[in-house]
N, C-alpha and C. Protein backbone atom coordinates (compact mmCIF):
# COMPACT_ATOMS: atom_id res chain seq x y z
N UNK A 1 -4.35 99.45 264.78
CA UNK A 1 -3.25 100.39 264.92
C UNK A 1 -2.60 100.22 266.29
N UNK A 2 -1.26 100.17 266.34
CA UNK A 2 -0.60 100.00 267.64
C UNK A 2 -0.80 101.22 268.53
N UNK A 3 -0.92 100.97 269.82
CA UNK A 3 -1.03 102.06 270.78
C UNK A 3 0.34 102.33 271.38
N UNK A 4 0.81 103.56 271.26
CA UNK A 4 2.12 103.95 271.79
C UNK A 4 1.91 105.02 272.84
N UNK A 5 2.35 104.77 274.06
CA UNK A 5 2.21 105.76 275.12
C UNK A 5 3.08 106.99 274.83
N UNK A 6 2.61 108.13 275.29
CA UNK A 6 3.30 109.40 275.04
C UNK A 6 3.92 109.90 276.32
N UNK A 7 5.14 110.42 276.20
CA UNK A 7 5.84 111.03 277.32
C UNK A 7 5.84 112.54 277.13
N UNK A 8 5.37 113.24 278.17
CA UNK A 8 5.24 114.69 278.08
C UNK A 8 6.20 115.44 278.99
N UNK A 9 6.74 114.77 280.00
CA UNK A 9 7.57 115.44 280.99
C UNK A 9 8.82 114.60 281.25
N UNK A 10 9.87 115.28 281.73
CA UNK A 10 11.11 114.57 282.03
C UNK A 10 10.90 113.55 283.14
N UNK A 11 9.97 113.81 284.06
CA UNK A 11 9.69 112.83 285.12
C UNK A 11 9.14 111.53 284.54
N UNK A 12 8.30 111.64 283.50
CA UNK A 12 7.78 110.44 282.84
C UNK A 12 8.90 109.72 282.09
N UNK A 13 9.78 110.49 281.49
CA UNK A 13 10.92 109.89 280.79
C UNK A 13 11.79 109.12 281.77
N UNK A 14 12.01 109.68 282.94
CA UNK A 14 12.82 108.98 283.94
C UNK A 14 12.14 107.71 284.40
N UNK A 15 10.83 107.78 284.65
CA UNK A 15 10.11 106.59 285.11
C UNK A 15 10.07 105.49 284.05
N UNK A 16 10.17 105.86 282.78
CA UNK A 16 10.14 104.86 281.71
C UNK A 16 11.35 103.93 281.75
N UNK A 17 12.46 104.39 282.34
CA UNK A 17 13.67 103.59 282.39
C UNK A 17 14.49 103.64 281.12
N UNK A 18 14.06 104.41 280.14
CA UNK A 18 14.78 104.45 278.87
C UNK A 18 16.20 104.97 279.08
N UNK A 19 17.15 104.27 278.46
CA UNK A 19 18.54 104.71 278.47
C UNK A 19 19.29 104.46 279.77
N UNK A 20 18.70 103.71 280.67
CA UNK A 20 19.35 103.43 281.95
C UNK A 20 19.22 101.93 282.26
N UNK A 21 20.18 101.40 283.04
CA UNK A 21 21.39 102.06 283.58
C UNK A 21 22.53 102.03 282.57
N UNK A 22 23.63 102.73 282.85
CA UNK A 22 24.80 102.63 281.99
C UNK A 22 25.22 101.17 281.87
N UNK A 23 25.77 100.75 280.71
CA UNK A 23 26.31 101.61 279.64
C UNK A 23 25.31 102.00 278.55
N UNK A 24 24.00 101.93 278.82
CA UNK A 24 23.04 102.35 277.80
C UNK A 24 23.25 103.81 277.42
N UNK A 25 22.90 104.14 276.18
CA UNK A 25 23.21 105.48 275.65
C UNK A 25 21.98 106.25 275.21
N UNK A 26 20.78 105.74 275.52
CA UNK A 26 19.57 106.34 274.97
C UNK A 26 19.30 107.76 275.40
N UNK A 27 19.54 108.09 276.66
CA UNK A 27 19.28 109.45 277.13
C UNK A 27 20.26 110.44 276.50
N UNK A 28 21.51 110.04 276.37
CA UNK A 28 22.48 110.90 275.69
C UNK A 28 22.09 111.09 274.22
N UNK A 29 21.61 110.01 273.60
CA UNK A 29 21.18 110.09 272.21
C UNK A 29 20.00 111.04 272.06
N UNK A 30 19.02 110.93 272.95
CA UNK A 30 17.85 111.79 272.90
C UNK A 30 18.23 113.25 273.15
N UNK A 31 19.15 113.47 274.05
CA UNK A 31 19.62 114.83 274.32
C UNK A 31 20.31 115.42 273.11
N UNK A 32 21.18 114.63 272.48
CA UNK A 32 21.84 115.09 271.25
C UNK A 32 20.82 115.41 270.17
N UNK A 33 19.85 114.52 269.97
CA UNK A 33 18.85 114.73 268.94
C UNK A 33 18.08 116.03 269.20
N UNK A 34 17.70 116.26 270.44
CA UNK A 34 16.88 117.42 270.78
C UNK A 34 17.65 118.73 270.71
N UNK A 35 18.94 118.69 271.02
CA UNK A 35 19.73 119.92 271.09
C UNK A 35 20.50 120.22 269.82
N UNK A 36 20.93 119.18 269.11
CA UNK A 36 21.88 119.40 268.03
C UNK A 36 21.38 118.96 266.66
N UNK A 37 20.32 118.16 266.62
CA UNK A 37 19.86 117.62 265.34
C UNK A 37 18.65 118.37 264.79
N UNK A 38 18.14 119.35 265.53
CA UNK A 38 16.96 120.08 265.08
C UNK A 38 16.89 121.43 265.76
N UNK A 39 16.03 122.29 265.21
CA UNK A 39 15.64 123.51 265.91
C UNK A 39 14.17 123.77 265.63
N UNK A 40 13.55 124.56 266.48
CA UNK A 40 12.14 124.88 266.34
C UNK A 40 12.00 126.21 265.59
N UNK A 41 11.18 126.20 264.54
CA UNK A 41 10.94 127.45 263.83
C UNK A 41 9.82 128.24 264.52
N UNK A 42 9.45 129.37 263.96
CA UNK A 42 8.47 130.25 264.60
C UNK A 42 7.07 129.63 264.64
N UNK A 43 6.86 128.57 263.83
CA UNK A 43 5.58 127.86 263.85
C UNK A 43 5.64 126.61 264.74
N UNK A 44 6.70 126.51 265.51
CA UNK A 44 6.90 125.40 266.44
C UNK A 44 7.09 124.06 265.73
N UNK A 45 7.58 124.11 264.51
CA UNK A 45 7.89 122.89 263.78
C UNK A 45 9.36 122.54 263.98
N UNK A 46 9.64 121.24 263.99
CA UNK A 46 11.00 120.76 264.21
C UNK A 46 11.73 120.67 262.87
N UNK A 47 12.69 121.55 262.70
CA UNK A 47 13.44 121.64 261.45
C UNK A 47 14.75 120.87 261.61
N UNK A 48 15.02 119.90 260.74
CA UNK A 48 16.26 119.11 260.90
C UNK A 48 17.51 119.94 260.64
N UNK A 49 18.50 119.72 261.48
CA UNK A 49 19.86 120.23 261.22
C UNK A 49 20.65 119.20 260.42
N UNK A 50 20.12 117.99 260.31
CA UNK A 50 20.82 116.91 259.64
C UNK A 50 19.89 116.35 258.56
N UNK A 51 20.43 115.47 257.74
CA UNK A 51 19.66 114.91 256.64
C UNK A 51 19.57 113.39 256.81
N UNK A 52 18.49 112.91 257.41
CA UNK A 52 18.36 111.45 257.60
C UNK A 52 18.41 110.68 256.30
N UNK A 53 17.87 111.25 255.24
CA UNK A 53 17.84 110.55 253.96
C UNK A 53 19.23 110.33 253.39
N UNK A 54 20.20 111.13 253.81
CA UNK A 54 21.58 110.99 253.35
C UNK A 54 22.43 110.14 254.29
N UNK A 55 21.82 109.64 255.36
CA UNK A 55 22.54 108.79 256.29
C UNK A 55 23.38 109.52 257.31
N UNK A 56 23.10 110.83 257.51
CA UNK A 56 23.85 111.58 258.51
C UNK A 56 23.75 110.92 259.88
N UNK A 57 24.87 110.85 260.58
CA UNK A 57 24.94 110.35 261.96
C UNK A 57 24.43 108.91 262.12
N UNK A 58 24.39 108.18 261.03
CA UNK A 58 23.93 106.79 261.08
C UNK A 58 22.44 106.61 260.89
N UNK A 59 21.70 107.68 260.55
CA UNK A 59 20.29 107.54 260.23
C UNK A 59 20.11 106.58 259.05
N UNK A 60 19.06 105.77 259.11
CA UNK A 60 18.67 104.96 257.96
C UNK A 60 17.18 104.68 258.05
N UNK A 61 16.62 104.26 256.93
CA UNK A 61 15.19 104.00 256.88
C UNK A 61 14.78 102.92 257.87
N UNK A 62 13.67 103.16 258.54
CA UNK A 62 13.08 102.16 259.42
C UNK A 62 11.86 101.59 258.72
N UNK A 63 11.88 100.30 258.44
CA UNK A 63 10.76 99.63 257.79
C UNK A 63 9.82 99.12 258.88
N UNK A 64 8.69 99.76 258.97
CA UNK A 64 7.72 99.45 260.04
C UNK A 64 6.96 98.17 259.69
N UNK A 65 7.70 97.07 259.65
CA UNK A 65 7.13 95.81 259.21
C UNK A 65 6.27 95.17 260.28
N UNK A 66 5.42 94.28 259.82
CA UNK A 66 4.67 93.45 260.76
C UNK A 66 5.61 92.38 261.31
N UNK A 67 5.70 92.31 262.60
CA UNK A 67 6.49 91.28 263.27
C UNK A 67 5.62 90.68 264.36
N UNK A 68 5.52 89.39 264.31
CA UNK A 68 4.65 88.68 265.26
C UNK A 68 3.22 89.20 265.20
N UNK A 69 2.81 89.60 263.99
CA UNK A 69 1.43 90.00 263.77
C UNK A 69 1.10 91.45 264.04
N UNK A 70 2.10 92.28 264.36
CA UNK A 70 1.80 93.69 264.62
C UNK A 70 2.95 94.57 264.14
N UNK A 71 2.63 95.85 263.96
CA UNK A 71 3.64 96.86 263.65
C UNK A 71 4.03 97.60 264.92
N UNK A 72 5.27 98.00 264.99
CA UNK A 72 5.74 98.73 266.17
C UNK A 72 5.10 100.11 266.26
N UNK A 73 4.96 100.78 265.11
CA UNK A 73 4.49 102.16 265.07
C UNK A 73 3.28 102.29 264.15
N UNK A 74 2.52 103.37 264.28
CA UNK A 74 1.38 103.57 263.38
C UNK A 74 1.80 103.61 261.92
N UNK A 75 0.98 103.06 261.05
CA UNK A 75 1.24 103.09 259.62
C UNK A 75 1.00 104.50 259.09
N UNK A 76 1.95 105.01 258.33
CA UNK A 76 1.85 106.36 257.78
C UNK A 76 2.27 106.33 256.31
N UNK A 77 2.05 107.45 255.61
CA UNK A 77 2.37 107.53 254.19
C UNK A 77 3.66 108.27 253.92
N UNK A 78 4.45 108.48 254.94
CA UNK A 78 5.76 109.11 254.76
C UNK A 78 6.76 108.33 255.61
N UNK A 79 8.06 108.53 255.36
CA UNK A 79 9.04 107.57 255.90
C UNK A 79 9.38 107.77 257.37
N UNK A 80 9.76 106.64 257.98
CA UNK A 80 10.38 106.63 259.30
C UNK A 80 11.89 106.44 259.12
N UNK A 81 12.66 107.08 260.00
CA UNK A 81 14.10 106.88 260.03
C UNK A 81 14.51 106.55 261.46
N UNK A 82 15.52 105.71 261.60
CA UNK A 82 16.00 105.29 262.91
C UNK A 82 17.47 105.68 263.06
N UNK A 83 17.84 106.08 264.27
CA UNK A 83 19.22 106.44 264.57
C UNK A 83 19.57 105.89 265.96
N UNK A 84 20.85 105.63 266.17
CA UNK A 84 21.30 105.16 267.47
C UNK A 84 22.13 103.89 267.41
N UNK A 85 22.12 103.20 266.25
CA UNK A 85 22.96 102.02 266.11
C UNK A 85 24.41 102.48 265.94
N UNK A 86 25.22 102.25 266.94
CA UNK A 86 26.59 102.76 266.92
C UNK A 86 27.49 101.99 265.97
N UNK A 87 26.96 100.93 265.36
CA UNK A 87 27.69 100.20 264.32
C UNK A 87 27.38 100.70 262.92
N UNK A 88 26.39 101.57 262.78
CA UNK A 88 25.96 102.02 261.46
C UNK A 88 26.99 102.96 260.84
N UNK A 89 27.06 102.94 259.50
CA UNK A 89 27.88 103.93 258.80
C UNK A 89 27.39 105.32 259.15
N UNK A 90 28.31 106.18 259.52
CA UNK A 90 27.96 107.55 259.88
C UNK A 90 27.80 107.77 261.37
N UNK A 91 27.67 106.68 262.15
CA UNK A 91 27.49 106.84 263.60
C UNK A 91 28.73 107.43 264.26
N UNK A 92 29.88 107.35 263.59
CA UNK A 92 31.08 107.94 264.16
C UNK A 92 31.01 109.46 264.18
N UNK A 93 29.99 110.04 263.50
CA UNK A 93 29.80 111.49 263.55
C UNK A 93 29.12 111.94 264.85
N UNK A 94 28.53 110.99 265.58
CA UNK A 94 27.88 111.34 266.83
C UNK A 94 28.93 111.83 267.84
N UNK A 95 28.54 112.74 268.73
CA UNK A 95 29.52 113.28 269.68
C UNK A 95 29.95 112.25 270.72
N UNK A 96 31.06 112.56 271.36
CA UNK A 96 31.65 111.64 272.34
C UNK A 96 30.69 111.32 273.47
N UNK A 97 29.91 112.30 273.92
CA UNK A 97 29.07 112.02 275.08
C UNK A 97 27.96 111.01 274.77
N UNK A 98 27.69 110.76 273.49
CA UNK A 98 26.73 109.72 273.10
C UNK A 98 27.42 108.36 273.00
N UNK A 99 28.63 108.33 272.48
CA UNK A 99 29.29 107.07 272.13
C UNK A 99 30.29 106.59 273.16
N UNK A 100 30.61 107.37 274.16
CA UNK A 100 31.76 107.06 275.03
C UNK A 100 31.63 105.75 275.79
N UNK A 101 30.40 105.29 276.06
CA UNK A 101 30.23 104.06 276.84
C UNK A 101 30.09 102.82 275.97
N UNK A 102 30.18 102.98 274.66
CA UNK A 102 30.01 101.83 273.77
C UNK A 102 31.17 100.87 273.93
N UNK A 103 30.86 99.59 274.17
CA UNK A 103 31.90 98.59 274.41
C UNK A 103 32.28 97.82 273.16
N UNK A 104 31.39 97.80 272.15
CA UNK A 104 31.63 96.99 270.97
C UNK A 104 31.22 95.54 271.14
N UNK A 105 30.66 95.20 272.30
CA UNK A 105 30.23 93.82 272.56
C UNK A 105 28.71 93.73 272.53
N UNK A 106 28.22 92.51 272.59
CA UNK A 106 26.78 92.28 272.64
C UNK A 106 26.29 92.50 274.07
N UNK A 107 26.08 93.75 274.38
CA UNK A 107 25.58 94.10 275.70
C UNK A 107 24.59 95.25 275.54
N UNK A 108 24.28 95.95 276.63
CA UNK A 108 23.27 97.00 276.58
C UNK A 108 23.79 98.33 276.07
N UNK A 109 25.05 98.41 275.68
CA UNK A 109 25.61 99.71 275.30
C UNK A 109 25.19 100.15 273.90
N UNK A 110 24.41 99.32 273.19
CA UNK A 110 23.98 99.70 271.84
C UNK A 110 22.53 99.29 271.58
N UNK A 111 21.68 99.29 272.60
CA UNK A 111 20.32 98.79 272.43
C UNK A 111 19.28 99.88 272.19
N UNK A 112 19.60 101.14 272.46
CA UNK A 112 18.61 102.21 272.40
C UNK A 112 18.56 102.86 271.02
N UNK A 113 17.35 103.27 270.63
CA UNK A 113 17.15 103.89 269.33
C UNK A 113 16.14 105.04 269.42
N UNK A 114 16.27 105.97 268.48
CA UNK A 114 15.26 106.99 268.23
C UNK A 114 14.73 106.76 266.82
N UNK A 115 13.41 106.78 266.69
CA UNK A 115 12.77 106.65 265.37
C UNK A 115 11.97 107.92 265.13
N UNK A 116 12.16 108.51 263.96
CA UNK A 116 11.48 109.76 263.64
C UNK A 116 10.75 109.61 262.31
N UNK A 117 9.66 110.34 262.18
CA UNK A 117 9.01 110.44 260.88
C UNK A 117 9.36 111.79 260.28
N UNK A 118 9.54 111.80 258.97
CA UNK A 118 9.92 113.01 258.25
C UNK A 118 8.81 113.34 257.26
N UNK A 119 8.18 114.51 257.44
CA UNK A 119 7.05 114.90 256.61
C UNK A 119 7.26 116.33 256.11
N UNK A 120 7.29 116.47 254.79
CA UNK A 120 7.44 117.79 254.16
C UNK A 120 8.66 118.53 254.67
N UNK A 121 9.73 117.80 254.93
CA UNK A 121 10.98 118.41 255.34
C UNK A 121 11.10 118.69 256.83
N UNK A 122 10.09 118.30 257.63
CA UNK A 122 10.12 118.52 259.07
C UNK A 122 10.08 117.18 259.80
N UNK A 123 10.70 117.13 260.98
CA UNK A 123 10.46 116.01 261.86
C UNK A 123 9.03 116.11 262.38
N UNK A 124 8.28 115.04 262.20
CA UNK A 124 6.86 115.09 262.55
C UNK A 124 6.58 114.39 263.88
N UNK A 125 7.04 113.16 264.03
CA UNK A 125 6.87 112.40 265.25
C UNK A 125 8.23 111.86 265.70
N UNK A 126 8.42 111.78 267.00
CA UNK A 126 9.67 111.27 267.57
C UNK A 126 9.32 110.15 268.54
N UNK A 127 9.98 109.00 268.38
CA UNK A 127 9.76 107.84 269.24
C UNK A 127 11.09 107.39 269.82
N UNK A 128 11.04 106.83 271.01
CA UNK A 128 12.20 106.14 271.59
C UNK A 128 11.83 104.68 271.77
N UNK A 129 12.81 103.81 271.60
CA UNK A 129 12.56 102.38 271.74
C UNK A 129 13.86 101.68 272.06
N UNK A 130 13.79 100.39 272.26
CA UNK A 130 14.98 99.61 272.58
C UNK A 130 14.87 98.22 271.99
N UNK A 131 16.01 97.64 271.67
CA UNK A 131 16.06 96.29 271.13
C UNK A 131 15.82 95.26 272.24
N UNK A 132 15.10 94.20 271.86
CA UNK A 132 15.01 93.03 272.74
C UNK A 132 15.88 91.90 272.23
N UNK A 133 16.25 91.95 270.94
CA UNK A 133 17.20 91.02 270.35
C UNK A 133 17.79 91.71 269.13
N UNK A 134 18.48 90.97 268.29
CA UNK A 134 19.15 91.59 267.15
C UNK A 134 18.19 92.22 266.15
N UNK A 135 16.93 91.75 266.11
CA UNK A 135 16.02 92.18 265.05
C UNK A 135 14.79 92.92 265.56
N UNK A 136 14.38 92.67 266.76
CA UNK A 136 13.08 93.16 267.24
C UNK A 136 13.22 94.22 268.31
N UNK A 137 12.25 95.15 268.28
CA UNK A 137 12.15 96.18 269.30
C UNK A 137 11.07 95.79 270.31
N UNK A 138 11.16 96.40 271.48
CA UNK A 138 10.25 96.08 272.56
C UNK A 138 9.05 97.03 272.51
N UNK A 139 7.86 96.55 272.14
CA UNK A 139 6.69 97.45 272.08
C UNK A 139 6.28 97.98 273.44
N UNK A 140 6.61 97.26 274.52
CA UNK A 140 6.26 97.72 275.86
C UNK A 140 7.15 98.86 276.33
N UNK A 141 8.28 99.03 275.66
CA UNK A 141 9.20 100.11 276.01
C UNK A 141 9.45 101.03 274.81
N UNK A 142 8.38 101.26 274.07
CA UNK A 142 8.41 102.19 272.94
C UNK A 142 7.46 103.34 273.28
N UNK A 143 7.96 104.56 273.15
CA UNK A 143 7.18 105.73 273.56
C UNK A 143 7.30 106.84 272.51
N UNK A 144 6.23 107.58 272.38
CA UNK A 144 6.27 108.81 271.59
C UNK A 144 6.70 109.95 272.51
N UNK A 145 7.60 110.80 272.01
CA UNK A 145 8.07 111.95 272.78
C UNK A 145 7.32 113.19 272.32
N UNK A 146 6.59 113.80 273.22
CA UNK A 146 5.84 115.00 272.91
C UNK A 146 6.79 116.15 272.52
N UNK A 147 6.34 117.01 271.60
CA UNK A 147 7.18 118.12 271.16
C UNK A 147 7.59 119.04 272.30
N UNK A 148 6.73 119.17 273.32
CA UNK A 148 7.07 120.02 274.46
C UNK A 148 8.26 119.47 275.22
N UNK A 149 8.35 118.15 275.32
CA UNK A 149 9.50 117.54 275.97
C UNK A 149 10.76 117.72 275.13
N UNK A 150 10.63 117.60 273.81
CA UNK A 150 11.76 117.86 272.92
C UNK A 150 12.26 119.29 273.11
N UNK A 151 11.36 120.25 273.17
CA UNK A 151 11.75 121.65 273.37
C UNK A 151 12.43 121.84 274.72
N UNK A 152 11.89 121.18 275.76
CA UNK A 152 12.50 121.25 277.09
C UNK A 152 13.95 120.76 277.04
N UNK A 153 14.16 119.61 276.39
CA UNK A 153 15.51 119.06 276.29
C UNK A 153 16.41 119.96 275.45
N UNK A 154 15.82 120.58 274.44
CA UNK A 154 16.58 121.49 273.57
C UNK A 154 17.23 122.62 274.37
N UNK A 155 16.58 123.02 275.45
CA UNK A 155 17.05 124.16 276.24
C UNK A 155 17.78 123.74 277.52
N UNK A 156 17.90 122.44 277.73
CA UNK A 156 18.44 121.93 278.99
C UNK A 156 19.95 121.76 278.91
N UNK A 157 20.64 122.06 280.01
CA UNK A 157 22.07 121.80 280.12
C UNK A 157 22.32 120.30 280.14
N UNK A 158 23.28 119.83 279.36
CA UNK A 158 23.55 118.39 279.23
C UNK A 158 23.83 117.74 280.58
N UNK A 159 24.82 118.30 281.27
CA UNK A 159 25.25 117.68 282.52
C UNK A 159 24.13 117.66 283.55
N UNK A 160 23.43 118.78 283.68
CA UNK A 160 22.35 118.85 284.67
C UNK A 160 21.25 117.84 284.36
N UNK A 161 20.88 117.75 283.09
CA UNK A 161 19.80 116.84 282.73
C UNK A 161 20.18 115.39 283.01
N UNK A 162 21.35 114.97 282.58
CA UNK A 162 21.74 113.57 282.76
C UNK A 162 21.92 113.23 284.24
N UNK A 163 22.46 114.15 285.01
CA UNK A 163 22.56 113.91 286.44
C UNK A 163 21.18 113.79 287.08
N UNK A 164 20.22 114.61 286.62
CA UNK A 164 18.86 114.52 287.13
C UNK A 164 18.21 113.18 286.76
N UNK A 165 18.62 112.62 285.64
CA UNK A 165 18.09 111.33 285.20
C UNK A 165 18.77 110.16 285.90
N UNK A 166 19.75 110.46 286.76
CA UNK A 166 20.43 109.40 287.49
C UNK A 166 21.68 108.88 286.83
N UNK A 167 22.19 109.61 285.84
CA UNK A 167 23.42 109.22 285.16
C UNK A 167 24.51 110.21 285.53
N UNK A 168 25.54 109.72 286.21
CA UNK A 168 26.64 110.59 286.57
C UNK A 168 27.43 110.91 285.30
N UNK A 169 27.47 112.18 284.98
CA UNK A 169 28.00 112.58 283.68
C UNK A 169 28.97 113.72 283.88
N UNK A 170 30.11 113.61 283.24
CA UNK A 170 31.08 114.70 283.22
C UNK A 170 31.49 114.93 281.78
N UNK A 171 31.87 116.16 281.48
CA UNK A 171 32.30 116.51 280.14
C UNK A 171 33.80 116.28 280.05
N UNK A 172 34.22 115.51 279.05
CA UNK A 172 35.65 115.29 278.85
C UNK A 172 36.25 116.51 278.18
N UNK A 173 37.25 117.06 278.79
CA UNK A 173 37.95 118.21 278.22
C UNK A 173 39.39 117.81 277.96
N UNK A 174 39.83 118.00 276.73
CA UNK A 174 41.21 117.64 276.40
C UNK A 174 42.17 118.52 277.19
N UNK A 175 43.16 117.92 277.85
CA UNK A 175 44.10 118.72 278.64
C UNK A 175 44.93 119.64 277.76
N UNK A 176 45.14 120.84 278.25
CA UNK A 176 45.97 121.78 277.51
C UNK A 176 47.43 121.39 277.68
N UNK A 177 48.26 121.64 276.65
CA UNK A 177 49.68 121.33 276.79
C UNK A 177 50.29 122.20 277.88
N UNK A 178 51.27 121.66 278.60
CA UNK A 178 51.87 122.44 279.68
C UNK A 178 52.53 123.69 279.16
N UNK A 179 52.33 124.80 279.86
CA UNK A 179 52.96 126.05 279.44
C UNK A 179 54.44 126.01 279.82
N UNK A 180 55.28 126.61 279.00
CA UNK A 180 56.72 126.57 279.31
C UNK A 180 57.03 127.30 280.61
N UNK A 181 57.89 126.72 281.39
CA UNK A 181 58.29 127.33 282.65
C UNK A 181 59.59 128.11 282.46
N UNK A 182 59.61 129.29 283.04
CA UNK A 182 60.81 130.10 282.96
C UNK A 182 61.71 129.75 284.15
N UNK A 183 62.90 129.21 283.84
CA UNK A 183 63.83 128.81 284.90
C UNK A 183 64.80 129.94 285.20
N UNK A 184 65.12 130.11 286.47
CA UNK A 184 66.12 131.10 286.89
C UNK A 184 67.47 130.42 287.00
N UNK A 185 68.43 130.94 286.30
CA UNK A 185 69.76 130.32 286.30
C UNK A 185 70.55 130.81 287.51
N UNK A 186 71.16 129.88 288.23
CA UNK A 186 72.05 130.20 289.34
C UNK A 186 73.47 129.88 288.90
N UNK A 187 74.34 130.87 288.89
CA UNK A 187 75.70 130.70 288.36
C UNK A 187 76.68 130.77 289.51
N UNK A 188 77.55 129.77 289.58
CA UNK A 188 78.64 129.77 290.56
C UNK A 188 79.96 129.78 289.81
N UNK A 189 80.80 130.72 290.14
CA UNK A 189 82.09 130.84 289.46
C UNK A 189 83.14 130.10 290.26
N UNK A 190 83.79 129.18 289.61
CA UNK A 190 84.88 128.43 290.23
C UNK A 190 86.12 128.66 289.40
N UNK A 191 87.05 129.43 289.94
CA UNK A 191 88.24 129.79 289.17
C UNK A 191 89.16 128.60 288.96
N UNK A 192 88.98 127.55 289.78
CA UNK A 192 89.87 126.39 289.66
C UNK A 192 89.34 125.32 288.72
N UNK A 193 88.12 125.50 288.25
CA UNK A 193 87.52 124.47 287.41
C UNK A 193 88.12 124.49 286.03
N UNK A 194 88.31 123.31 285.46
CA UNK A 194 88.79 123.20 284.10
C UNK A 194 87.61 123.37 283.14
N UNK A 195 87.88 124.00 282.00
CA UNK A 195 86.79 124.18 281.05
C UNK A 195 86.30 122.85 280.51
N UNK A 196 84.98 122.74 280.33
CA UNK A 196 84.38 121.54 279.75
C UNK A 196 83.96 121.83 278.33
N UNK A 197 83.98 120.81 277.51
CA UNK A 197 83.49 120.99 276.15
C UNK A 197 81.99 121.14 276.19
N UNK A 198 81.49 122.07 275.41
CA UNK A 198 80.04 122.30 275.40
C UNK A 198 79.36 121.29 274.49
N UNK A 199 78.11 120.91 274.85
CA UNK A 199 77.33 120.01 274.00
C UNK A 199 75.87 120.44 274.10
N UNK A 200 75.14 120.20 273.03
CA UNK A 200 73.73 120.58 273.02
C UNK A 200 72.93 119.59 273.85
N UNK A 201 71.91 120.07 274.51
CA UNK A 201 71.03 119.21 275.31
C UNK A 201 69.70 119.05 274.59
N UNK A 202 69.17 117.86 274.55
CA UNK A 202 67.90 117.59 273.87
C UNK A 202 66.71 117.89 274.77
N UNK A 203 65.54 117.79 274.15
CA UNK A 203 64.32 117.99 274.96
C UNK A 203 63.24 117.09 274.40
N UNK A 204 62.24 116.79 275.24
CA UNK A 204 61.12 115.94 274.84
C UNK A 204 59.96 116.82 274.41
N UNK A 205 59.31 116.40 273.35
CA UNK A 205 58.04 117.03 272.98
C UNK A 205 56.93 116.21 273.60
N UNK A 206 56.07 116.86 274.34
CA UNK A 206 54.95 116.17 274.95
C UNK A 206 53.75 116.26 274.04
N UNK A 207 53.04 115.16 273.87
CA UNK A 207 51.81 115.19 273.08
C UNK A 207 50.74 114.44 273.84
N UNK A 208 49.52 114.88 273.66
CA UNK A 208 48.38 114.24 274.34
C UNK A 208 47.59 113.46 273.33
N UNK A 209 47.33 112.18 273.61
CA UNK A 209 46.54 111.34 272.72
C UNK A 209 45.10 111.39 273.18
N UNK A 210 44.21 111.85 272.32
CA UNK A 210 42.80 111.99 272.67
C UNK A 210 42.03 110.76 272.23
């Protein structure tokens, strides 16, 4: 059976190097998963807000195959699902703070993944890992995330957490349209001026492209 180290504290998560440096997206992905993809019930079980079996947010089955003579994760009798591939169908449902650094090229901006096991309708185990090539994950950088750390992240402010992890993070806020300005008309009467024909004046509509 493969041995997977467990992370219990945010300090251990930081030392692991997972999701860093940018443009990697693993820490943002883990934060999204912990805050928006589940909640804890009164029995401290992780209840999904999403449906991995239906492919929500790009989830798909992870086949824990033998590669180079070993399996990445322990063999179990219920399914594993993986999320984080920004090319997967449904990944466009992920929020901007997870996907904003994705370049679309073969670089580190799409190497991080979360793998979860689903048992009796609950998330049972949560793992983080990263690709070493197009097909294989790195067993030396694969970790189980303790439920206490998931709960900690669930309650953590996004910006504060990512800044503490060494990622400078700001929330993109769509600019509000400019409010109309009330102009004061200044009128000068010139009795010698000839009347001009009146004409309508146009105006520009401003729009913001997000």
